[in-house]
Protein backbone atom coordinates (compact mmCIF):
# COMPACT_ATOMS: atom_id res chain seq x y z
CA UNK A 1 15.08 -10.01 3.21
CA UNK A 2 11.80 -8.14 3.18
CA UNK A 3 8.68 -10.30 2.88
CA UNK A 4 5.58 -8.96 1.04
CA UNK A 5 2.30 -10.85 1.13
CA UNK A 6 -0.70 -9.79 -1.00
CA UNK A 7 -4.06 -11.08 0.03
CA UNK A 8 -6.55 -10.52 -2.71
CA UNK A 9 -10.22 -11.46 -3.04
CA UNK A 10 -10.95 -13.24 -6.38
CA UNK A 11 -8.96 -14.96 -9.09
CA UNK A 12 -7.34 -13.13 -12.05
CA UNK A 13 -9.34 -13.75 -15.17
CA UNK A 14 -7.92 -11.45 -17.82
CA UNK A 15 -4.78 -12.47 -19.67
CA UNK A 16 -3.33 -8.96 -19.81
CA UNK A 17 -3.58 -8.71 -16.00
CA UNK A 18 -1.86 -12.11 -15.48
CA UNK A 19 0.88 -11.02 -17.89
CA UNK A 20 1.38 -7.68 -16.15
CA UNK A 21 1.48 -9.30 -12.74
CA UNK A 22 3.90 -11.88 -13.94
CA UNK A 23 6.19 -9.08 -15.17
CA UNK A 24 6.18 -7.20 -11.83
CA UNK A 25 6.53 -10.45 -9.89
CA UNK A 26 9.63 -11.27 -11.96
CA UNK A 27 11.04 -7.72 -11.25
CA UNK A 28 10.34 -8.08 -7.51
CA UNK A 29 11.92 -11.53 -7.01
CA UNK A 30 15.43 -10.17 -6.52
CA UNK A 31 14.21 -7.54 -4.08
CA UNK A 32 11.73 -9.30 -1.84
CA UNK A 33 10.09 -12.59 -0.97
CA UNK A 34 6.67 -12.25 -2.51
CA UNK A 35 3.64 -14.38 -1.71
CA UNK A 36 0.09 -13.94 -3.10
CA UNK A 37 -2.93 -15.43 -1.37
CA UNK A 38 -6.15 -15.49 -3.34
CA UNK A 39 -9.30 -15.49 -1.23
CA UNK A 40 -12.43 -16.92 -2.78
CA UNK A 41 -14.90 -14.24 -3.94
CA UNK A 42 -18.26 -14.67 -2.34
CA UNK A 43 -21.17 -15.34 -4.65
CA UNK A 44 -23.89 -12.74 -4.07
CA UNK A 45 -26.83 -15.17 -4.49
CA UNK A 46 -29.35 -14.81 -1.65
CA UNK A 47 -27.10 -12.83 0.65
CA UNK A 48 -26.70 -9.13 1.48
CA UNK A 49 -23.55 -7.06 0.82
CA UNK A 50 -22.99 -7.05 4.57
CA UNK A 51 -23.09 -10.91 4.65
CA UNK A 52 -20.79 -11.05 1.61
CA UNK A 53 -18.22 -8.73 3.31
CA UNK A 54 -18.37 -10.68 6.49
CA UNK A 55 -17.77 -14.08 4.78
CA UNK A 56 -14.85 -12.65 2.68
CA UNK A 57 -13.51 -10.87 5.78
CA UNK A 58 -13.46 -14.03 7.77
CA UNK A 59 -11.39 -15.77 5.09
CA UNK A 60 -9.03 -12.78 4.98
CA UNK A 61 -8.65 -12.70 8.72
CA UNK A 62 -7.70 -16.42 8.64
CA UNK A 63 -4.99 -15.75 6.08
CA UNK A 64 -3.33 -12.87 7.97
CA UNK A 65 0.04 -13.47 9.56
CA UNK A 66 0.14 -11.97 13.12
CA UNK A 67 3.75 -10.83 12.63
CA UNK A 68 3.03 -8.73 9.51
CA UNK A 69 2.38 -5.03 9.25
CA UNK A 70 -1.19 -5.03 7.73
CA UNK A 71 -1.97 -2.52 4.96
CA UNK A 72 -5.57 -2.54 3.82
CA UNK A 73 -6.42 -0.91 0.50
CA UNK A 74 -9.40 1.35 1.23
CA UNK A 75 -10.81 4.27 -0.77
CA UNK A 76 -11.38 6.02 2.57
CA UNK A 77 -7.85 5.43 3.73
CA UNK A 78 -4.75 7.62 3.88
CA UNK A 79 -3.57 8.87 0.48
CA UNK A 80 0.28 8.71 0.19
CA UNK A 81 2.73 9.46 -2.52
CA UNK A 82 5.10 6.63 -3.67
CA UNK A 83 7.89 8.34 -1.72
CA UNK A 84 5.71 8.62 1.43
CA UNK A 85 4.82 4.89 1.15
CA UNK A 86 8.51 4.07 0.66
CA UNK A 87 9.23 6.06 3.89
CA UNK A 88 6.59 4.15 5.83
CA UNK A 89 8.12 0.79 4.79
CA UNK A 90 11.61 2.07 5.44
CA UNK A 91 10.69 3.35 8.92
CA UNK A 92 8.92 0.15 9.81
CA UNK A 93 11.91 -1.94 8.48
CA UNK A 94 14.33 0.05 10.55
CA UNK A 95 12.13 -0.65 13.66
CA UNK A 96 12.53 -4.39 12.94
CA UNK A 97 9.43 -5.09 10.77
CA UNK A 98 10.27 -7.35 7.84
CA UNK A 99 6.82 -8.67 6.78
CA UNK A 100 4.17 -6.47 5.12
CA UNK A 101 0.86 -7.72 4.05
CA UNK A 102 -1.28 -5.73 1.54
CA UNK A 103 -5.00 -6.59 1.51
CA UNK A 104 -7.24 -6.02 -1.56
CA UNK A 105 -10.94 -6.49 -1.11
CA UNK A 106 -13.41 -7.67 -3.65
CA UNK A 107 -15.97 -5.74 -5.63
CA UNK A 108 -17.66 -4.43 -2.46
CA UNK A 109 -14.51 -3.59 -0.60
CA UNK A 110 -13.39 -4.92 2.78
CA UNK A 111 -15.29 -5.94 5.91
CA UNK A 112 -15.02 -3.51 8.85
CA UNK A 113 -13.22 -6.14 10.95
CA UNK A 114 -10.43 -6.29 8.38
CA UNK A 115 -10.24 -2.50 8.12
CA UNK A 116 -10.15 -2.14 11.94
CA UNK A 117 -7.34 -4.62 12.20
CA UNK A 118 -5.14 -2.91 9.63
CA UNK A 119 -2.10 -0.99 10.76
CA UNK A 120 -2.50 1.34 7.79
CA UNK A 121 -5.54 2.01 5.58
CA UNK A 122 -4.11 3.06 2.27
CA UNK A 123 -6.01 4.83 -0.47
CA UNK A 124 -4.90 5.00 -4.05
CA UNK A 125 -7.18 7.98 -4.56
CA UNK A 126 -10.87 8.61 -4.87
CA UNK A 127 -11.19 6.82 -8.15
CA UNK A 128 -12.63 3.33 -8.23
CA UNK A 129 -10.55 0.60 -9.79
CA UNK A 130 -11.56 -3.03 -10.53
CA UNK A 131 -10.10 -5.13 -7.73
CA UNK A 132 -8.23 -7.40 -10.18
CA UNK A 133 -6.58 -4.31 -11.83
CA UNK A 134 -5.69 -3.06 -8.40
CA UNK A 135 -3.45 -6.09 -7.87
CA UNK A 136 -1.31 -5.00 -10.93
CA UNK A 137 -1.24 -1.35 -9.79
CA UNK A 138 -0.26 -2.45 -6.26
CA UNK A 139 2.59 -4.62 -7.53
CA UNK A 140 3.94 -1.74 -9.64
CA UNK A 141 3.80 0.51 -6.61
CA UNK A 142 5.55 -2.03 -4.37
CA UNK A 143 8.29 -2.29 -7.05
CA UNK A 144 8.58 1.49 -7.23
CA UNK A 145 8.74 1.75 -3.40
CA UNK A 146 11.48 -0.83 -3.13
CA UNK A 147 13.53 0.88 -5.87
CA UNK A 148 13.11 4.25 -4.08
CA UNK A 149 14.34 2.68 -0.81
CA UNK A 150 17.32 1.23 -2.66
CA UNK A 151 18.15 4.67 -4.12
CA UNK A 152 17.58 3.53 -7.64
CA UNK A 153 16.00 5.64 -10.37
CA UNK A 154 12.99 3.64 -11.56
CA UNK A 155 10.61 5.97 -9.74
CA UNK A 156 11.57 9.17 -11.63
């Protein structure tokens, strides 16, 4: 069975996000093994953005599984449609890849070391989203991608 890991900086605070994420997690359970790892968000007191990204990046790098295909969410990354992302996962799965990790940075994005390590830098467009909301959007897209790859009609 496909394994999906989401590494996300910060804890979910808003009730509506927790409820939406719970709904998509429930939908995903029959389709994949899903694991979410929350990385502590760095406090910006007396440090630069560069230092903040480095500290969060170190924690992300420690959480990565070496056997996973790493997908970093990055506004400067490659923009794919849902069907194109489904094709990437299908192609990698056919080549023997069964573990995919999606990485969501904090308010300031991701450290360069994390971006450089990624197998795919994925953009959800040029718009800026709160990183906590991005978790919900990502789960919906993962669900959509898995339904596409199963030949089911959710994505239409």
